[in-house]
PDB file of N, CA and C in Angstrom:
ATOM      1  N   UNK A   1      82.161  92.368 103.287  1.00  0.00           N
ATOM      2  CA  UNK A   1      83.662  93.282 103.501  1.00  0.00           C
ATOM      3  C   UNK A   1      83.962  94.374 102.489  1.00  0.00           C
ATOM      4  N   UNK A   2      83.807  93.767 100.976  1.00  0.00           N
ATOM      5  CA  UNK A   2      83.236  94.896 100.139  1.00  0.00           C
ATOM      6  C   UNK A   2      82.739  96.475 100.145  1.00  0.00           C
ATOM      7  N   UNK A   3      81.492  95.933 100.388  1.00  0.00           N
ATOM      8  CA  UNK A   3      80.465  96.647 101.140  1.00  0.00           C
ATOM      9  C   UNK A   3      81.023  97.379 101.853  1.00  0.00           C
ATOM     10  N   UNK A   4      81.871  97.099 103.183  1.00  0.00           N
ATOM     11  CA  UNK A   4      82.285  98.084 103.517  1.00  0.00           C
ATOM     12  C   UNK A   4      83.288  99.214 103.118  1.00  0.00           C
ATOM     13  N   UNK A   5      84.173  98.806 102.892  1.00  0.00           N
ATOM     14  CA  UNK A   5      85.313  98.971 102.143  1.00  0.00           C
ATOM     15  C   UNK A   5      84.963 100.318 100.876  1.00  0.00           C
ATOM     16  N   UNK A   6      83.540  99.836 100.557  1.00  0.00           N
ATOM     17  CA  UNK A   6      83.432 100.676  99.207  1.00  0.00           C
ATOM     18  C   UNK A   6      82.463 101.890  99.516  1.00  0.00           C
ATOM     19  N   UNK A   7      82.307 101.419 101.168  1.00  0.00           N
ATOM     20  CA  UNK A   7      81.317 103.021 101.559  1.00  0.00           C
ATOM     21  C   UNK A   7      79.401 102.372 100.931  1.00  0.00           C
ATOM     22  N   UNK A   8      79.173 101.025 100.899  1.00  0.00           N
ATOM     23  CA  UNK A   8      77.911 101.057 100.398  1.00  0.00           C
ATOM     24  C   UNK A   8      77.334 100.325 101.598  1.00  0.00           C
ATOM     25  N   UNK A   9      77.855  99.903 102.476  1.00  0.00           N
ATOM     26  CA  UNK A   9      77.203  99.480 103.341  1.00  0.00           C
ATOM     27  C   UNK A   9      76.740 100.277 104.796  1.00  0.00           C
ATOM     28  N   UNK A  10      75.701  99.694 104.476  1.00  0.00           N
ATOM     29  CA  UNK A  10      74.754 100.924 105.939  1.00  0.00           C
ATOM     30  C   UNK A  10      73.788  99.615 106.872  1.00  0.00           C
ATOM     31  N   UNK A  11      74.723  99.769 108.153  1.00  0.00           N
ATOM     32  CA  UNK A  11      74.125  98.997 109.704  1.00  0.00           C
ATOM     33  C   UNK A  11      72.371  98.768 109.190  1.00  0.00           C
ATOM     34  N   UNK A  12      72.061  97.513 109.382  1.00  0.00           N
ATOM     35  CA  UNK A  12      70.678  97.377 109.510  1.00  0.00           C
ATOM     36  C   UNK A  12      70.217  97.545 111.067  1.00  0.00           C
ATOM     37  N   UNK A  13      69.445  97.509 111.688  1.00  0.00           N
ATOM     38  CA  UNK A  13      68.635  97.643 113.038  1.00  0.00           C
ATOM     39  C   UNK A  13      69.761  96.264 113.716  1.00  0.00           C
ATOM     40  N   UNK A  14      69.464  94.989 113.324  1.00  0.00           N
ATOM     41  CA  UNK A  14      70.299  93.643 113.746  1.00  0.00           C
ATOM     42  C   UNK A  14      71.622  94.123 113.929  1.00  0.00           C
ATOM     43  N   UNK A  15      72.064  94.947 112.927  1.00  0.00           N
ATOM     44  CA  UNK A  15      73.736  95.212 113.127  1.00  0.00           C
ATOM     45  C   UNK A  15      73.934  96.236 114.486  1.00  0.00           C
ATOM     46  N   UNK A  16      73.238  97.265 114.214  1.00  0.00           N
ATOM     47  CA  UNK A  16      73.372  98.755 115.392  1.00  0.00           C
ATOM     48  C   UNK A  16      72.850  97.752 116.346  1.00  0.00           C
ATOM     49  N   UNK A  17      71.995  97.037 116.755  1.00  0.00           N
ATOM     50  CA  UNK A  17      71.267  96.409 117.698  1.00  0.00           C
ATOM     51  C   UNK A  17      73.261  95.334 118.404  1.00  0.00           C
ATOM     52  N   UNK A  18      73.678  94.980 117.513  1.00  0.00           N
ATOM     53  CA  UNK A  18      74.937  94.225 117.794  1.00  0.00           C
ATOM     54  C   UNK A  18      76.556  94.538 117.797  1.00  0.00           C
ATOM     55  N   UNK A  19      76.189  96.682 117.542  1.00  0.00           N
ATOM     56  CA  UNK A  19      77.289  97.336 117.752  1.00  0.00           C
ATOM     57  C   UNK A  19      78.075  97.224 116.558  1.00  0.00           C
ATOM     58  N   UNK A  20      77.576  96.615 115.396  1.00  0.00           N
ATOM     59  CA  UNK A  20      78.327  96.489 114.299  1.00  0.00           C
ATOM     60  C   UNK A  20      78.061  97.738 113.591  1.00  0.00           C
ATOM     61  N   UNK A  21      79.087  98.473 113.022  1.00  0.00           N
ATOM     62  CA  UNK A  21      79.220  99.707 112.246  1.00  0.00           C
ATOM     63  C   UNK A  21      79.649  99.843 110.903  1.00  0.00           C
ATOM     64  N   UNK A  22      79.661 100.793 110.017  1.00  0.00           N
ATOM     65  CA  UNK A  22      80.384 100.780 108.785  1.00  0.00           C
ATOM     66  C   UNK A  22      81.733 100.852 109.175  1.00  0.00           C
ATOM     67  N   UNK A  23      82.724 100.493 109.706  1.00  0.00           N
ATOM     68  CA  UNK A  23      84.267 101.371 110.005  1.00  0.00           C
ATOM     69  C   UNK A  23      84.781  99.112 109.693  1.00  0.00           C
ATOM     70  N   UNK A  24      86.391  99.859 109.601  1.00  0.00           N
ATOM     71  CA  UNK A  24      87.206  99.511 109.479  1.00  0.00           C
ATOM     72  C   UNK A  24      87.527  97.802 110.848  1.00  0.00           C
ATOM     73  N   UNK A  25      86.800  98.155 112.023  1.00  0.00           N
ATOM     74  CA  UNK A  25      86.429  97.047 113.119  1.00  0.00           C
ATOM     75  C   UNK A  25      85.466  96.456 112.826  1.00  0.00           C
ATOM     76  N   UNK A  26      84.689  96.518 111.609  1.00  0.00           N
ATOM     77  CA  UNK A  26      83.576  95.489 111.341  1.00  0.00           C
ATOM     78  C   UNK A  26      84.467  94.798 109.919  1.00  0.00           C
ATOM     79  N   UNK A  27      85.616  95.261 109.607  1.00  0.00           N
ATOM     80  CA  UNK A  27      86.159  94.249 108.418  1.00  0.00           C
ATOM     81  C   UNK A  27      86.736  93.175 109.214  1.00  0.00           C
ATOM     82  N   UNK A  28      87.383  93.284 110.362  1.00  0.00           N
ATOM     83  CA  UNK A  28      88.201  92.324 111.323  1.00  0.00           C
ATOM     84  C   UNK A  28      86.970  91.784 111.642  1.00  0.00           C
ATOM     85  N   UNK A  29      85.917  91.822 111.784  1.00  0.00           N
ATOM     86  CA  UNK A  29      84.365  91.221 112.337  1.00  0.00           C
ATOM     87  C   UNK A  29      84.127  89.926 111.288  1.00  0.00           C
ATOM     88  N   UNK A  30      83.933  90.281 110.031  1.00  0.00           N
ATOM     89  CA  UNK A  30      84.140  89.709 108.881  1.00  0.00           C
ATOM     90  C   UNK A  30      85.130  88.792 108.802  1.00  0.00           C
ATOM     91  N   UNK A  31      86.261  88.813 109.012  1.00  0.00           N
ATOM     92  CA  UNK A  31      87.306  88.435 108.891  1.00  0.00           C
ATOM     93  C   UNK A  31      87.548  87.261 109.880  1.00  0.00           C
ATOM     94  N   UNK A  32      88.029  87.508 111.047  1.00  0.00           N
ATOM     95  CA  UNK A  32      87.908  86.797 112.115  1.00  0.00           C
ATOM     96  C   UNK A  32      86.880  86.924 113.428  1.00  0.00           C
ATOM     97  N   UNK A  33      85.818  87.497 113.072  1.00  0.00           N
ATOM     98  CA  UNK A  33      84.746  87.641 114.028  1.00  0.00           C
ATOM     99  C   UNK A  33      84.782  87.120 115.742  1.00  0.00           C
ATOM    100  N   UNK A  34      84.613  85.340 115.319  1.00  0.00           N
ATOM    101  CA  UNK A  34      84.502  84.564 116.625  1.00  0.00           C
ATOM    102  C   UNK A  34      85.751  85.153 117.876  1.00  0.00           C
ATOM    103  N   UNK A  35      86.497  85.050 116.844  1.00  0.00           N
ATOM    104  CA  UNK A  35      88.391  84.970 117.747  1.00  0.00           C
ATOM    105  C   UNK A  35      88.903  86.823 118.129  1.00  0.00           C
ATOM    106  N   UNK A  36      88.704  87.355 117.566  1.00  0.00           N
ATOM    107  CA  UNK A  36      89.182  88.967 117.740  1.00  0.00           C
ATOM    108  C   UNK A  36      87.958  89.633 118.287  1.00  0.00           C
ATOM    109  N   UNK A  37      86.182  89.330 117.939  1.00  0.00           N
ATOM    110  CA  UNK A  37      85.595  90.494 117.950  1.00  0.00           C
ATOM    111  C   UNK A  37      84.737  90.185 119.322  1.00  0.00           C
ATOM    112  N   UNK A  38      84.051  91.185 119.978  1.00  0.00           N
ATOM    113  CA  UNK A  38      83.106  91.034 121.435  1.00  0.00           C
ATOM    114  C   UNK A  38      83.735  90.402 122.372  1.00  0.00           C
ATOM    115  N   UNK A  39      85.203  90.684 122.607  1.00  0.00           N
ATOM    116  CA  UNK A  39      86.220  90.423 123.515  1.00  0.00           C
ATOM    117  C   UNK A  39      86.696  91.488 124.214  1.00  0.00           C
ATOM    118  N   UNK A  40      85.723  92.775 124.082  1.00  0.00           N
ATOM    119  CA  UNK A  40      86.906  94.136 124.730  1.00  0.00           C
ATOM    120  C   UNK A  40      88.356  93.845 123.546  1.00  0.00           C
ATOM    121  N   UNK A  41      89.183  94.592 125.245  1.00  0.00           N
ATOM    122  CA  UNK A  41      90.022  95.235 124.145  1.00  0.00           C
ATOM    123  C   UNK A  41      90.947  94.202 123.671  1.00  0.00           C
ATOM    124  N   UNK A  42      91.217  93.657 122.346  1.00  0.00           N
ATOM    125  CA  UNK A  42      91.922  92.580 122.357  1.00  0.00           C
ATOM    126  C   UNK A  42      93.085  92.692 121.015  1.00  0.00           C
ATOM    127  N   UNK A  43      94.264  92.037 121.361  1.00  0.00           N
ATOM    128  CA  UNK A  43      95.838  92.779 121.284  1.00  0.00           C
ATOM    129  C   UNK A  43      95.759  92.241 119.466  1.00  0.00           C
ATOM    130  N   UNK A  44      95.538  91.468 119.147  1.00  0.00           N
ATOM    131  CA  UNK A  44      95.314  90.995 117.809  1.00  0.00           C
ATOM    132  C   UNK A  44      94.609  92.004 116.825  1.00  0.00           C
ATOM    133  N   UNK A  45      93.449  92.310 117.306  1.00  0.00           N
ATOM    134  CA  UNK A  45      92.733  93.105 116.558  1.00  0.00           C
ATOM    135  C   UNK A  45      92.880  95.012 116.813  1.00  0.00           C
ATOM    136  N   UNK A  46      93.774  94.679 117.606  1.00  0.00           N
ATOM    137  CA  UNK A  46      94.515  96.197 118.027  1.00  0.00           C
ATOM    138  C   UNK A  46      95.635  96.426 117.163  1.00  0.00           C
ATOM    139  N   UNK A  47      96.319  95.239 116.907  1.00  0.00           N
ATOM    140  CA  UNK A  47      97.660  95.454 116.245  1.00  0.00           C
ATOM    141  C   UNK A  47      96.905  95.334 114.448  1.00  0.00           C
ATOM    142  N   UNK A  48      95.957  94.856 114.092  1.00  0.00           N
ATOM    143  CA  UNK A  48      95.487  94.840 113.169  1.00  0.00           C
ATOM    144  C   UNK A  48      95.401  96.388 112.666  1.00  0.00           C
ATOM    145  N   UNK A  49      94.515  97.192 113.909  1.00  0.00           N
ATOM    146  CA  UNK A  49      94.197  98.708 113.394  1.00  0.00           C
ATOM    147  C   UNK A  49      95.421  99.546 113.473  1.00  0.00           C
ATOM    148  N   UNK A  50      96.314  98.786 113.870  1.00  0.00           N
ATOM    149  CA  UNK A  50      97.934  99.691 114.118  1.00  0.00           C
ATOM    150  C   UNK A  50      98.138  99.573 112.846  1.00  0.00           C
ATOM    151  N   UNK A  51      98.254  98.345 111.967  1.00  0.00           N
ATOM    152  CA  UNK A  51      98.875  98.266 110.479  1.00  0.00           C
ATOM    153  C   UNK A  51      97.908  99.181 109.946  1.00  0.00           C
ATOM    154  N   UNK A  52      96.894  99.153 109.900  1.00  0.00           N
ATOM    155  CA  UNK A  52      95.560  99.804 109.146  1.00  0.00           C
ATOM    156  C   UNK A  52      96.553 101.088 108.955  1.00  0.00           C
ATOM    157  N   UNK A  53      96.419 101.469 110.079  1.00  0.00           N
ATOM    158  CA  UNK A  53      96.268 103.531 110.567  1.00  0.00           C
ATOM    159  C   UNK A  53      97.661 103.732 110.045  1.00  0.00           C
ATOM    160  N   UNK A  54      98.959 102.605 110.058  1.00  0.00           N
ATOM    161  CA  UNK A  54     100.006 103.034 109.253  1.00  0.00           C
ATOM    162  C   UNK A  54     100.148 103.243 107.701  1.00  0.00           C
ATOM    163  N   UNK A  55      99.069 102.522 106.811  1.00  0.00           N
ATOM    164  CA  UNK A  55      98.729 102.080 105.675  1.00  0.00           C
ATOM    165  C   UNK A  55      98.353 103.818 105.383  1.00  0.00           C
ATOM    166  N   UNK A  56      97.282 103.896 106.116  1.00  0.00           N
ATOM    167  CA  UNK A  56      96.605 105.165 105.789  1.00  0.00           C
ATOM    168  C   UNK A  56      97.611 106.277 105.994  1.00  0.00           C
ATOM    169  N   UNK A  57      98.372 106.089 106.760  1.00  0.00           N
ATOM    170  CA  UNK A  57      99.218 107.697 106.968  1.00  0.00           C
ATOM    171  C   UNK A  57     100.206 107.121 105.729  1.00  0.00           C
ATOM    172  N   UNK A  58     100.645 105.947 105.007  1.00  0.00           N
ATOM    173  CA  UNK A  58     101.488 106.250 104.571  1.00  0.00           C
ATOM    174  C   UNK A  58     101.408 105.913 103.066  1.00  0.00           C
ATOM    175  N   UNK A  59      99.816 106.143 102.979  1.00  0.00           N
ATOM    176  CA  UNK A  59      99.221 106.326 101.490  1.00  0.00           C
ATOM    177  C   UNK A  59      98.811 108.387 102.051  1.00  0.00           C
ATOM    178  N   UNK A  60      98.679 108.455 102.820  1.00  0.00           N
ATOM    179  CA  UNK A  60      98.231 110.233 102.926  1.00  0.00           C
ATOM    180  C   UNK A  60      96.730 110.170 102.921  1.00  0.00           C
ATOM    181  N   UNK A  61      95.924 109.203 103.818  1.00  0.00           N
ATOM    182  CA  UNK A  61      94.372 109.015 103.213  1.00  0.00           C
ATOM    183  C   UNK A  61      93.908 109.311 104.944  1.00  0.00           C
ATOM    184  N   UNK A  62      93.003 109.967 104.559  1.00  0.00           N
ATOM    185  CA  UNK A  62      92.273 110.483 106.622  1.00  0.00           C
ATOM    186  C   UNK A  62      92.012 109.214 106.859  1.00  0.00           C
ATOM    187  N   UNK A  63      92.455 109.909 108.487  1.00  0.00           N
ATOM    188  CA  UNK A  63      92.468 108.582 109.424  1.00  0.00           C
ATOM    189  C   UNK A  63      91.172 108.102 109.606  1.00  0.00           C
ATOM    190  N   UNK A  64      90.751 107.266 109.942  1.00  0.00           N
ATOM    191  CA  UNK A  64      89.641 106.928 110.928  1.00  0.00           C
ATOM    192  C   UNK A  64      88.610 107.044 112.482  1.00  0.00           C
ATOM    193  N   UNK A  65      87.746 107.414 112.708  1.00  0.00           N
ATOM    194  CA  UNK A  65      87.626 107.656 114.234  1.00  0.00           C
ATOM    195  C   UNK A  65      88.202 106.157 114.307  1.00  0.00           C
ATOM    196  N   UNK A  66      88.642 106.425 115.911  1.00  0.00           N
ATOM    197  CA  UNK A  66      89.350 105.986 116.971  1.00  0.00           C
ATOM    198  C   UNK A  66      88.589 104.502 117.594  1.00  0.00           C
ATOM    199  N   UNK A  67      87.417 104.714 117.857  1.00  0.00           N
ATOM    200  CA  UNK A  67      86.393 103.962 117.945  1.00  0.00           C
ATOM    201  C   UNK A  67      86.169 102.860 116.995  1.00  0.00           C
ATOM    202  N   UNK A  68      86.025 103.319 115.779  1.00  0.00           N
ATOM    203  CA  UNK A  68      85.817 102.407 114.819  1.00  0.00           C
ATOM    204  C   UNK A  68      87.032 101.560 114.309  1.00  0.00           C
ATOM    205  N   UNK A  69      88.030 101.668 114.911  1.00  0.00           N
ATOM    206  CA  UNK A  69      88.889 100.583 114.299  1.00  0.00           C
ATOM    207  C   UNK A  69      89.279  99.377 114.828  1.00  0.00           C
ATOM    208  N   UNK A  70      88.936  99.078 115.756  1.00  0.00           N
ATOM    209  CA  UNK A  70      88.515  97.658 116.220  1.00  0.00           C
ATOM    210  C   UNK A  70      87.716  97.036 116.602  1.00  0.00           C
ATOM    211  N   UNK A  71      86.851  95.781 117.094  1.00  0.00           N
ATOM    212  CA  UNK A  71      85.345  95.170 116.524  1.00  0.00           C
ATOM    213  C   UNK A  71      85.196  94.595 118.792  1.00  0.00           C
ATOM    214  N   UNK A  72      86.111  94.880 119.382  1.00  0.00           N
ATOM    215  CA  UNK A  72      86.103  94.857 120.217  1.00  0.00           C
ATOM    216  C   UNK A  72      84.309  94.537 121.400  1.00  0.00           C
ATOM    217  N   UNK A  73      83.728  95.635 121.083  1.00  0.00           N
ATOM    218  CA  UNK A  73      82.636  95.578 121.178  1.00  0.00           C
ATOM    219  C   UNK A  73      81.285  95.150 120.325  1.00  0.00           C
ATOM    220  N   UNK A  74      81.456  95.000 119.768  1.00  0.00           N
ATOM    221  CA  UNK A  74      80.957  94.160 118.327  1.00  0.00           C
ATOM    222  C   UNK A  74      80.624  92.900 118.392  1.00  0.00           C
ATOM    223  N   UNK A  75      79.137  91.923 118.572  1.00  0.00           N
ATOM    224  CA  UNK A  75      78.637  91.055 118.550  1.00  0.00           C
ATOM    225  C   UNK A  75      79.867  90.550 117.512  1.00  0.00           C
ATOM    226  N   UNK A  76      80.379  89.398 117.170  1.00  0.00           N
ATOM    227  CA  UNK A  76      80.319  88.833 115.469  1.00  0.00           C
ATOM    228  C   UNK A  76      79.675  88.177 114.838  1.00  0.00           C
ATOM    229  N   UNK A  77      79.889  88.389 113.415  1.00  0.00           N
ATOM    230  CA  UNK A  77      79.044  88.193 112.642  1.00  0.00           C
ATOM    231  C   UNK A  77      78.310  86.768 112.613  1.00  0.00           C
ATOM    232  N   UNK A  78      77.475  85.846 112.558  1.00  0.00           N
ATOM    233  CA  UNK A  78      76.996  84.180 112.506  1.00  0.00           C
ATOM    234  C   UNK A  78      77.531  83.936 111.401  1.00  0.00           C
TER     235      UNK A  78
END
């Protein structure tokens, strides 16, 4: 997760095939992948993304692309 947050994570071919990107959604995938990810629209993952957006706004940080905020289309990390 550190690599994603610091910008060092670069998805390899297997990650790309699994829909895993270098976005906030991938951090959710690492934490709760089997519970929240690869399930389409998931309330818990969406709530986590909403909290993240709130923190970005509070600290006046740039917003992330909406598509990368959740992990519904990502297969979970093994």
